[in-house]
Amino acid sequence: MTKGLKIKKPLILLSLIIAILIIVFCIIPSIKFIGHKSVHNDAKTYQTLSCKIYYPNSAYGKKIAKSICDNDDSGNVYDYSLVPYGDYFLIKYGDGNNYFVDSSYNELKFDSLNEESRTLLSDYLRYTIKQTNPDMYYKTSFMEETTSDNINVDEITYLIGDTDLIAHFNEYDLDVNIPLKYVQKFMNMNFGYPDEEYVKPKYLDSSKPYICLTFEDGPIYVGEATSSKIVDTLAKYDATATFFVPGDYLENSEALYAFLQDSISKGNEYGSNTSNQEYLVNLSSESQIKNEIYGPIYFFKNHINYEMKLFRPPGGLTNDTINKIAGIPAICWSVDSGDWLDIDVDSIVQTVLDNAYNGAIVAMHDIYSDSAIAVEQIVPKLLEKGFQLVTVSDALTIENLGYDVTCWYGY
């Protein structure tokens, strides 16, 4: 009689264990995720034993899903939010797992920015360095290397955050956040932000000395273009100034508007130097005084939608009655550069540097070529001395005075 094959009990037991493991590892995880659905009908699914994630249908979407789920053993189910940003979408998986895509859900990335956007890189790098590394900031060599023309863009990498483009400057091992609302403007992209004029970022350091360069009688933006040269010098060293404009030089000119808007975008401010530069103390009526002060103010508001908040009385001559009629601060000066006298460039430079102190307001004129040349020396030398070169409004902010002062000469 032939004996049947004898199946050993341990082998049966092993088979049962394997079957159970298959059930545990293959069926139970799926059961665990049953009932979890995406809010997006066209979502794709990626799943591991301990994680399930939905993602928008694209190769990059799957790549991100894998990177999240492959490192997650929490048993979570992840669904994404689709946030419209103009022509783009922000895909959000809670905090920290966010990325931008185009309308086809493909990754939106920046390998470089256009020429116009170099201004953003320069301005925001300087803004960040001033806060994180002031010793570097107050070196003229740093300023000269980081102008919009000279900044090294070859070693910059980019990452898009919720509200900012994050530019990593390998040269400084520094992340610099640039608002997407300005990236959209310079890169001609649509992130859904309202269009607005660009104004460079400012950081006012109350622990550092400051000085205000102020100018009168301009702007001269054609011919010798002394005002244009001064604005360019200020921008080169991340400095700003206040320009008091008389009505004499204001005309209905697109070239003038373009110059003023460019200067304002670089952080400079403008105030009234009255319509005809008449001494206000010699005017007899309130209406005469107000018309004189507000002529340039109305011009700026009507033509470039800019609100002047300061005025300079011609000759620095004012009184309580005039200040009350004006309703905005009268700004005089504590240091006279003497550039209106028949003196040379070196004398102008030396006068300003010898009398520079924390809180000073320096009076200059942007109609003279010698003044423009002097500024090319004054600004970097003041920077090396550790001065912040700020507008008068910035100084009022630093001193916590606001615009409530009636007449101010600085400190």
Protein backbone atom coordinates (compact mmCIF):
# COMPACT_ATOMS: atom_id res chain seq x y z
CA MET A 1 0.00 0.00 0.00
CA THR A 2 1.37 3.36 -1.08
CA LYS A 3 1.69 5.85 1.68
CA GLY A 4 0.25 9.38 1.01
CA LEU A 5 2.39 12.44 1.19
CA LYS A 6 2.63 13.68 4.68
CA ILE A 7 2.31 17.47 5.00
CA LYS A 8 4.18 18.72 7.93
CA LYS A 9 2.26 20.90 10.34
CA PRO A 10 5.00 23.56 10.59
CA LEU A 11 4.76 24.16 6.84
CA ILE A 12 1.01 24.68 7.09
CA LEU A 13 1.54 27.06 9.98
CA LEU A 14 4.11 29.04 8.02
CA SER A 15 1.74 29.35 5.07
CA LEU A 16 -0.99 30.63 7.33
CA ILE A 17 1.33 33.20 8.86
CA ILE A 18 2.35 34.43 5.39
CA ALA A 19 -1.29 34.66 4.35
CA ILE A 20 -2.12 36.61 7.46
CA LEU A 21 0.78 38.97 6.86
CA ILE A 22 -0.40 39.53 3.30
CA ILE A 23 -3.82 40.42 4.63
CA VAL A 24 -2.34 42.71 7.28
CA PHE A 25 0.02 44.56 4.97
CA CYS A 26 -2.12 44.66 1.82
CA ILE A 27 -5.74 44.67 2.80
CA ILE A 28 -5.92 46.35 6.20
CA PRO A 29 -4.12 49.56 5.10
CA SER A 30 -6.57 49.91 2.23
CA ILE A 31 -9.47 49.32 4.61
CA LYS A 32 -8.05 51.96 6.94
CA PHE A 33 -8.13 54.59 4.16
CA ILE A 34 -11.62 53.65 2.91
CA GLY A 35 -14.00 56.57 3.22
CA HIS A 36 -11.32 59.23 2.78
CA LYS A 37 -11.94 61.15 -0.43
CA SER A 38 -10.35 64.16 -2.05
CA VAL A 39 -12.31 67.36 -2.50
CA HIS A 40 -10.92 67.41 -6.05
CA ASN A 41 -12.64 65.09 -8.54
CA ASP A 42 -9.60 64.90 -10.81
CA ALA A 43 -7.08 64.23 -8.02
CA LYS A 44 -4.64 61.36 -8.31
CA THR A 45 -3.70 59.10 -5.40
CA TYR A 46 -0.40 57.93 -4.02
CA GLN A 47 -0.44 55.49 -1.11
CA THR A 48 1.91 53.60 1.16
CA LEU A 49 1.10 51.24 4.05
CA SER A 50 0.86 54.16 6.46
CA CYS A 51 0.03 57.18 4.31
CA LYS A 52 -2.38 58.23 1.61
CA ILE A 53 -2.07 61.45 -0.34
CA TYR A 54 -4.00 63.12 -3.13
CA TYR A 55 -2.19 65.27 -5.67
CA PRO A 56 -3.00 67.30 -8.79
CA ASN A 57 -2.39 65.35 -11.98
CA SER A 58 1.16 66.14 -13.05
CA ALA A 59 4.56 64.51 -12.80
CA TYR A 60 5.72 67.20 -10.38
CA GLY A 61 2.58 66.71 -8.27
CA LYS A 62 3.39 63.00 -7.93
CA LYS A 63 6.99 63.79 -7.05
CA ILE A 64 5.89 66.04 -4.19
CA ALA A 65 3.28 63.51 -3.03
CA LYS A 66 5.92 60.75 -2.86
CA SER A 67 8.32 62.98 -0.97
CA ILE A 68 5.64 63.66 1.64
CA CYS A 69 4.12 60.19 1.97
CA ASP A 70 7.30 58.11 1.76
CA ASN A 71 8.53 59.84 4.89
CA ASP A 72 5.27 59.61 6.81
CA ASP A 73 4.36 56.69 9.06
CA SER A 74 1.52 58.41 10.90
CA GLY A 75 -1.37 56.80 9.02
CA ASN A 76 -2.51 60.21 7.81
CA VAL A 77 -4.49 61.04 4.70
CA TYR A 78 -3.43 64.23 2.98
CA ASP A 79 -5.56 66.30 0.68
CA TYR A 80 -4.46 69.54 -0.89
CA SER A 81 -5.86 73.06 -1.17
CA LEU A 82 -5.82 74.73 -4.56
CA VAL A 83 -5.40 78.48 -4.03
CA PRO A 84 -5.67 80.66 -7.15
CA TYR A 85 -2.95 83.32 -7.57
CA GLY A 86 -3.80 85.15 -10.78
CA ASP A 87 -2.62 82.92 -13.63
CA TYR A 88 -1.16 80.37 -11.18
CA PHE A 89 -2.13 78.14 -8.28
CA LEU A 90 -0.61 77.52 -4.88
CA ILE A 91 -0.85 73.87 -3.87
CA LYS A 92 -0.96 73.61 -0.06
CA TYR A 93 -0.57 70.53 2.15
CA GLY A 94 -0.89 72.27 5.49
CA ASP A 95 2.13 74.16 6.80
CA GLY A 96 5.41 73.94 4.93
CA ASN A 97 4.46 71.67 2.02
CA ASN A 98 3.45 74.33 -0.48
CA TYR A 99 4.39 74.88 -4.10
CA PHE A 100 3.28 76.96 -7.08
CA VAL A 101 2.05 75.50 -10.36
CA ASP A 102 0.80 76.85 -13.66
CA SER A 103 -2.66 76.15 -15.07
CA SER A 104 -1.52 72.64 -16.13
CA TYR A 105 -0.26 71.89 -12.60
CA ASN A 106 3.35 71.93 -13.77
CA GLU A 107 5.96 73.34 -11.42
CA LEU A 108 6.47 77.09 -11.56
CA LYS A 109 10.12 77.87 -11.00
CA PHE A 110 12.62 80.63 -11.57
CA ASP A 111 16.07 79.95 -12.93
CA SER A 112 16.78 83.66 -13.32
CA LEU A 113 15.09 87.05 -13.32
CA ASN A 114 14.98 89.58 -16.15
CA GLU A 115 17.13 92.70 -16.33
CA GLU A 116 14.43 94.93 -14.81
CA SER A 117 14.24 92.67 -11.77
CA ARG A 118 17.88 93.28 -10.86
CA THR A 119 16.58 96.34 -8.99
CA LEU A 120 14.56 94.04 -6.72
CA LEU A 121 17.56 91.84 -6.04
CA SER A 122 19.77 94.81 -5.22
CA ASP A 123 17.23 96.62 -3.02
CA TYR A 124 16.14 93.59 -1.00
CA LEU A 125 19.66 92.25 -0.57
CA ARG A 126 20.78 95.58 0.90
CA TYR A 127 17.62 95.80 3.02
CA THR A 128 18.33 92.34 4.47
CA ILE A 129 22.07 92.87 4.97
CA LYS A 130 21.43 96.13 6.84
CA GLN A 131 19.48 94.14 9.42
CA THR A 132 21.65 91.03 9.58
CA ASN A 133 25.19 92.30 8.93
CA PRO A 134 25.50 96.07 9.49
CA ASP A 135 29.31 95.93 9.44
CA MET A 136 29.11 94.85 5.82
CA TYR A 137 26.31 97.27 4.97
CA TYR A 138 28.28 100.39 5.91
CA LYS A 139 31.15 99.57 3.56
CA THR A 140 31.17 101.44 0.26
CA SER A 141 32.71 98.40 -1.43
CA PHE A 142 29.58 96.37 -0.61
CA MET A 143 27.35 99.11 -2.00
CA GLU A 144 29.35 99.43 -5.20
CA GLU A 145 29.25 95.65 -5.76
CA THR A 146 25.50 95.41 -5.21
CA THR A 147 24.08 98.11 -7.47
CA SER A 148 21.49 96.85 -9.92
CA ASP A 149 24.14 97.01 -12.65
CA ASN A 150 26.88 95.21 -10.74
CA ILE A 151 25.07 92.65 -8.59
CA ASN A 152 26.25 89.08 -9.20
CA VAL A 153 23.18 87.10 -10.31
CA ASP A 154 25.02 83.95 -11.39
CA GLU A 155 25.09 82.34 -7.93
CA ILE A 156 21.47 83.04 -6.94
CA THR A 157 18.89 80.27 -6.61
CA TYR A 158 15.15 80.79 -6.20
CA LEU A 159 12.27 79.24 -4.28
CA ILE A 160 8.67 80.46 -4.34
CA GLY A 161 6.91 80.85 -0.99
CA ASP A 162 3.31 81.75 -0.21
CA THR A 163 3.84 85.50 -0.58
CA ASP A 164 7.51 85.92 -1.48
CA LEU A 165 10.12 84.85 -3.95
CA ILE A 166 13.03 83.61 -1.82
CA ALA A 167 16.36 84.39 -3.46
CA HIS A 168 19.32 82.56 -1.94
CA PHE A 169 22.57 84.49 -2.41
CA ASN A 170 25.29 81.86 -2.20
CA GLU A 171 27.92 84.60 -2.01
CA TYR A 172 26.52 85.76 1.34
CA ASP A 173 24.85 82.48 2.37
CA LEU A 174 21.67 84.48 2.78
CA ASP A 175 17.99 84.06 1.94
CA VAL A 176 16.33 87.27 0.76
CA ASN A 177 12.54 87.52 0.60
CA ILE A 178 11.11 89.55 -2.28
CA PRO A 179 7.32 90.14 -2.32
CA LEU A 180 5.52 88.41 -5.19
CA LYS A 181 3.49 91.58 -5.76
CA TYR A 182 6.70 93.25 -6.99
CA VAL A 183 8.00 90.17 -8.80
CA GLN A 184 4.79 90.16 -10.83
CA LYS A 185 5.32 93.81 -11.75
CA PHE A 186 8.94 93.49 -12.86
CA MET A 187 8.55 90.07 -14.50
CA ASN A 188 5.24 90.87 -16.24
CA MET A 189 3.53 87.95 -14.50
CA ASN A 190 0.11 87.80 -12.87
CA PHE A 191 0.00 86.53 -9.29
CA GLY A 192 -3.33 88.25 -8.71
CA TYR A 193 -2.00 91.24 -6.76
CA PRO A 194 -3.28 94.75 -7.54
CA ASP A 195 -0.83 96.79 -9.57
CA GLU A 196 1.00 99.34 -7.44
CA GLU A 197 4.00 101.59 -7.76
CA TYR A 198 7.24 100.07 -6.52
CA VAL A 199 8.94 101.74 -3.57
CA LYS A 200 12.19 100.30 -2.31
CA PRO A 201 12.14 98.69 1.16
CA LYS A 202 13.66 100.61 4.05
CA TYR A 203 14.98 99.53 7.40
CA LEU A 204 15.53 102.38 9.86
CA ASP A 205 18.02 101.43 12.54
CA SER A 206 17.37 103.54 15.64
CA SER A 207 20.71 102.43 17.10
CA LYS A 208 22.67 104.08 14.26
CA PRO A 209 23.23 107.79 13.60
CA TYR A 210 21.35 109.37 10.72
CA ILE A 211 21.57 112.51 8.63
CA CYS A 212 19.17 114.11 6.16
CA LEU A 213 20.41 115.59 2.91
CA THR A 214 17.82 118.04 1.58
CA PHE A 215 17.77 119.82 -1.76
CA GLU A 216 15.99 122.88 -3.13
CA ASP A 217 15.30 124.62 -6.45
CA GLY A 218 15.16 121.58 -8.76
CA PRO A 219 14.46 119.30 -10.41
CA ILE A 220 16.90 119.60 -13.30
CA TYR A 221 16.48 116.36 -15.25
CA VAL A 222 17.58 117.41 -18.76
CA GLY A 223 20.73 119.13 -20.01
CA GLU A 224 23.19 119.02 -17.13
CA ALA A 225 20.56 116.89 -15.32
CA THR A 226 22.03 117.72 -11.93
CA SER A 227 19.00 116.34 -10.09
CA SER A 228 19.21 113.08 -12.04
CA LYS A 229 22.89 112.73 -11.16
CA ILE A 230 22.16 113.27 -7.47
CA VAL A 231 19.36 110.67 -7.51
CA ASP A 232 21.70 108.17 -9.21
CA THR A 233 24.42 108.75 -6.60
CA LEU A 234 21.96 108.28 -3.76
CA ALA A 235 20.69 105.02 -5.27
CA LYS A 236 24.23 103.72 -5.75
CA TYR A 237 24.80 103.84 -1.98
CA ASP A 238 21.28 102.93 -0.81
CA ALA A 239 20.82 106.50 0.41
CA THR A 240 17.71 108.66 0.20
CA ALA A 241 17.03 112.39 0.45
CA THR A 242 14.25 114.97 0.55
CA PHE A 243 13.77 117.35 -2.39
CA PHE A 244 11.84 120.59 -1.92
CA VAL A 245 10.42 121.65 -5.27
CA PRO A 246 9.31 125.17 -6.29
CA GLY A 247 6.48 125.62 -8.75
CA ASP A 248 8.82 127.35 -11.23
CA TYR A 249 10.29 124.03 -12.44
CA LEU A 250 7.02 122.13 -12.68
CA GLU A 251 5.58 121.64 -16.14
CA ASN A 252 3.16 119.29 -17.85
CA SER A 253 5.84 116.93 -19.16
CA GLU A 254 5.91 113.15 -19.38
CA ALA A 255 9.69 113.32 -19.00
CA LEU A 256 9.27 115.17 -15.70
CA TYR A 257 6.69 112.68 -14.45
CA ALA A 258 8.94 109.75 -15.36
CA PHE A 259 11.89 111.32 -13.54
CA LEU A 260 9.87 112.04 -10.39
CA GLN A 261 8.31 108.57 -10.26
CA ASP A 262 11.71 106.93 -10.73
CA SER A 263 13.19 109.03 -7.93
CA ILE A 264 10.28 108.25 -5.61
CA SER A 265 10.59 104.53 -6.38
CA LYS A 266 14.20 104.78 -5.17
CA GLY A 267 12.97 105.94 -1.76
CA ASN A 268 13.33 109.71 -2.09
CA GLU A 269 10.61 112.11 -1.02
CA TYR A 270 9.37 115.46 -2.29
CA GLY A 271 8.04 118.49 -0.48
CA SER A 272 6.90 121.98 -1.44
CA ASN A 273 9.31 124.87 -1.75
CA THR A 274 6.27 127.09 -2.54
CA SER A 275 4.96 128.17 -5.93
CA ASN A 276 7.17 131.21 -6.55
CA GLN A 277 9.65 131.09 -3.66
CA GLU A 278 8.34 134.31 -2.21
CA TYR A 279 9.13 134.96 1.44
CA LEU A 280 6.00 133.83 3.20
CA VAL A 281 6.50 136.31 6.04
CA ASN A 282 5.98 139.14 3.51
CA LEU A 283 2.57 137.89 2.38
CA SER A 284 -0.40 139.56 3.97
CA SER A 285 -3.32 137.18 3.55
CA GLU A 286 -4.01 133.59 4.52
CA SER A 287 -5.07 132.72 0.95
CA GLN A 288 -1.78 134.04 -0.47
CA ILE A 289 0.24 131.99 2.00
CA LYS A 290 -1.79 128.84 1.39
CA ASN A 291 -1.67 129.20 -2.41
CA GLU A 292 2.10 129.63 -2.26
CA ILE A 293 2.64 126.56 -0.10
CA TYR A 294 0.12 124.32 -1.84
CA GLY A 295 0.92 125.05 -5.49
CA PRO A 296 3.51 122.24 -5.82
CA ILE A 297 1.43 120.00 -3.50
CA TYR A 298 -1.58 120.16 -5.83
CA PHE A 299 0.64 119.65 -8.89
CA PHE A 300 2.15 116.42 -7.53
CA LYS A 301 -1.22 115.10 -6.41
CA ASN A 302 -2.95 115.85 -9.72
CA HIS A 303 -0.21 114.68 -12.07
CA ILE A 304 1.54 111.73 -10.39
CA ASN A 305 -0.83 110.98 -7.48
CA TYR A 306 1.87 111.75 -4.91
CA GLU A 307 1.05 113.36 -1.57
CA MET A 308 3.58 115.86 -0.29
CA LYS A 309 3.68 115.97 3.50
CA LEU A 310 6.33 118.62 4.12
CA PHE A 311 7.25 122.12 2.96
CA ARG A 312 10.30 124.33 3.20
CA PRO A 313 9.71 128.06 3.64
CA PRO A 314 11.96 130.09 1.30
CA GLY A 315 14.95 131.40 3.21
CA GLY A 316 13.84 129.32 6.19
CA LEU A 317 11.60 132.24 7.21
CA THR A 318 8.39 131.22 8.91
CA ASN A 319 6.30 131.88 12.01
CA ASP A 320 3.48 130.32 14.02
CA THR A 321 0.77 131.86 11.80
CA ILE A 322 2.34 130.47 8.62
CA ASN A 323 2.87 127.06 10.18
CA LYS A 324 -0.77 126.93 11.29
CA ILE A 325 -2.02 127.86 7.82
CA ALA A 326 0.25 125.26 6.22
CA GLY A 327 -1.08 122.38 8.29
CA ILE A 328 2.02 120.34 7.45
CA PRO A 329 5.52 120.54 8.99
CA ALA A 330 7.84 123.32 7.94
CA ILE A 331 11.32 121.86 7.50
CA CYS A 332 14.34 124.12 7.86
CA TRP A 333 17.97 123.03 8.34
CA SER A 334 20.77 122.84 10.88
CA VAL A 335 23.71 122.64 8.46
CA ASP A 336 24.14 124.96 5.47
CA SER A 337 26.40 123.37 2.85
CA GLY A 338 27.13 126.80 1.35
CA ASP A 339 26.75 125.37 -2.16
CA TRP A 340 24.79 128.47 -3.16
CA LEU A 341 27.87 130.61 -2.52
CA ASP A 342 30.67 130.93 -5.05
CA ILE A 343 32.73 128.11 -3.56
CA ASP A 344 34.29 125.00 -5.09
CA VAL A 345 33.39 121.32 -4.77
CA ASP A 346 36.01 120.58 -2.11
CA SER A 347 34.65 123.36 0.10
CA ILE A 348 31.11 122.03 -0.16
CA VAL A 349 32.27 118.52 0.72
CA GLN A 350 34.36 119.68 3.66
CA THR A 351 31.60 121.91 5.04
CA VAL A 352 29.12 119.03 5.11
CA LEU A 353 31.55 116.46 6.53
CA ASP A 354 32.93 118.82 9.19
CA ASN A 355 29.43 119.65 10.42
CA ALA A 356 27.80 116.22 10.10
CA TYR A 357 26.21 114.90 13.28
CA ASN A 358 23.41 112.57 14.33
CA GLY A 359 20.06 114.18 13.46
CA ALA A 360 21.43 116.93 11.22
CA ILE A 361 19.42 118.35 8.32
CA VAL A 362 21.73 119.58 5.56
CA ALA A 363 20.59 122.24 3.09
CA MET A 364 21.81 121.85 -0.49
CA HIS A 365 20.62 122.77 -3.99
CA ASP A 366 20.19 120.32 -6.85
CA ILE A 367 20.50 122.97 -9.59
CA TYR A 368 24.28 123.33 -9.36
CA SER A 369 26.72 121.01 -11.09
CA ASP A 370 29.21 121.47 -8.22
CA SER A 371 26.55 120.23 -5.80
CA ALA A 372 25.98 117.09 -7.86
CA ILE A 373 29.73 116.42 -7.96
CA ALA A 374 30.05 117.10 -4.23
CA VAL A 375 27.29 114.61 -3.45
CA GLU A 376 29.34 111.91 -5.21
CA GLN A 377 31.94 112.36 -2.45
CA ILE A 378 29.69 113.26 0.49
CA VAL A 379 27.40 110.23 0.35
CA PRO A 380 30.03 107.43 0.44
CA LYS A 381 32.06 109.26 3.08
CA LEU A 382 29.04 109.67 5.35
CA LEU A 383 28.21 105.99 4.82
CA GLU A 384 31.71 104.94 5.85
CA LYS A 385 31.30 107.03 8.99
CA GLY A 386 28.27 104.89 9.85
CA PHE A 387 25.52 107.39 8.97
CA GLN A 388 22.16 106.34 7.60
CA LEU A 389 21.20 108.81 4.88
CA VAL A 390 17.45 109.14 5.27
CA THR A 391 14.55 111.35 4.24
CA VAL A 392 13.11 113.91 6.63
CA SER A 393 9.99 111.76 7.02
CA ASP A 394 12.21 108.83 7.99
CA ALA A 395 13.91 111.05 10.58
CA LEU A 396 10.53 112.02 12.02
CA THR A 397 9.74 108.30 12.28
CA ILE A 398 13.04 107.53 14.01
CA GLU A 399 12.40 110.32 16.52
CA ASN A 400 8.76 109.22 17.04
CA LEU A 401 7.57 112.70 16.09
CA GLY A 402 5.35 111.94 13.11
CA TYR A 403 3.90 114.90 11.22
CA ASP A 404 2.63 116.71 14.29
CA VAL A 405 5.64 119.04 14.47
CA THR A 406 4.98 122.52 13.10
CA CYS A 407 8.56 123.59 12.39
CA TRP A 408 11.63 121.40 12.53
CA TYR A 409 15.34 122.10 12.14
CA GLY A 410 16.53 118.61 12.98
CA TYR A 411 18.65 118.06 16.08
